[in-house]
Amino acid sequence: MTQTKAKKIFPPASRLATPTDLTPAEVRAVTGAVNPLIADSLALYLKTKNYHWHLSGPRFRD
């Protein structure tokens, strides 16, 4: 695939921008604070799901 075809697939970044009153520095601060929370949530979800699939015993209901 050539560069020109790739550019046609994806819209320009300006069309994807979400309107906000935040400055770029404030956006970086918010994403810096939220990213660890999202990562922790995903890790907890995956650990819980993994634990669920390894349960066994007489009290475990399918």
Protein backbone atom coordinates (compact mmCIF):
# COMPACT_ATOMS: atom_id res chain seq x y z
CA MET A 1 0.00 0.00 0.00
CA THR A 2 1.42 3.37 -0.93
CA GLN A 3 1.41 6.50 1.19
CA THR A 4 -1.24 8.15 -0.96
CA LYS A 5 -3.66 5.27 -0.43
CA ALA A 6 -3.01 5.32 3.33
CA LYS A 7 -3.82 9.03 3.45
CA LYS A 8 -7.16 8.41 1.75
CA ILE A 9 -8.12 5.78 4.34
CA PHE A 10 -7.62 7.98 7.40
CA PRO A 11 -9.22 11.42 7.80
CA PRO A 12 -6.95 14.34 8.66
CA ALA A 13 -6.15 14.71 12.36
CA SER A 14 -7.94 18.06 12.50
CA ARG A 15 -11.24 16.32 11.68
CA LEU A 16 -10.70 13.88 14.57
CA ALA A 17 -9.92 16.56 17.13
CA THR A 18 -12.45 16.86 19.95
CA PRO A 19 -13.39 20.45 20.79
CA THR A 20 -12.11 21.37 24.25
CA ASP A 21 -11.27 24.39 26.34
CA LEU A 22 -8.17 22.68 27.72
CA THR A 23 -4.71 23.81 26.75
CA PRO A 24 -2.28 21.21 25.39
CA ALA A 25 -0.48 21.20 28.74
CA GLU A 26 -3.75 20.52 30.57
CA VAL A 27 -4.58 17.72 28.14
CA ARG A 28 -1.20 16.12 28.86
CA ALA A 29 -1.84 16.45 32.61
CA VAL A 30 -5.26 14.81 32.36
CA THR A 31 -4.01 11.97 30.17
CA GLY A 32 -1.04 11.49 32.49
CA ALA A 33 -3.43 11.11 35.43
CA VAL A 34 -5.98 8.91 33.65
CA ASN A 35 -3.63 6.51 31.83
CA PRO A 36 -2.44 4.72 35.02
CA LEU A 37 -6.07 4.30 36.13
CA ILE A 38 -7.02 2.78 32.79
CA ALA A 39 -3.99 0.47 32.90
CA ASP A 40 -4.85 -0.64 36.45
CA SER A 41 -8.46 -1.31 35.48
CA LEU A 42 -7.39 -3.41 32.52
CA ALA A 43 -4.90 -5.36 34.63
CA LEU A 44 -7.57 -6.04 37.27
CA TYR A 45 -10.04 -7.16 34.59
CA LEU A 46 -7.52 -9.54 33.02
CA LYS A 47 -6.44 -10.98 36.38
CA THR A 48 -10.05 -11.51 37.41
CA LYS A 49 -10.91 -13.17 34.12
CA ASN A 50 -7.81 -15.36 34.27
CA TYR A 51 -8.59 -16.38 37.86
CA HIS A 52 -12.15 -17.27 36.90
CA TRP A 53 -11.02 -19.73 34.24
CA HIS A 54 -8.75 -21.56 36.70
CA LEU A 55 -11.36 -22.23 39.37
CA SER A 56 -12.37 -25.78 40.13
CA GLY A 57 -13.86 -27.77 42.95
CA PRO A 58 -17.16 -29.03 44.31
CA ARG A 59 -18.45 -25.53 45.15
CA PHE A 60 -17.64 -24.00 41.78
CA ARG A 61 -20.68 -23.81 39.56
CA ASP A 62 -20.11 -23.84 35.79
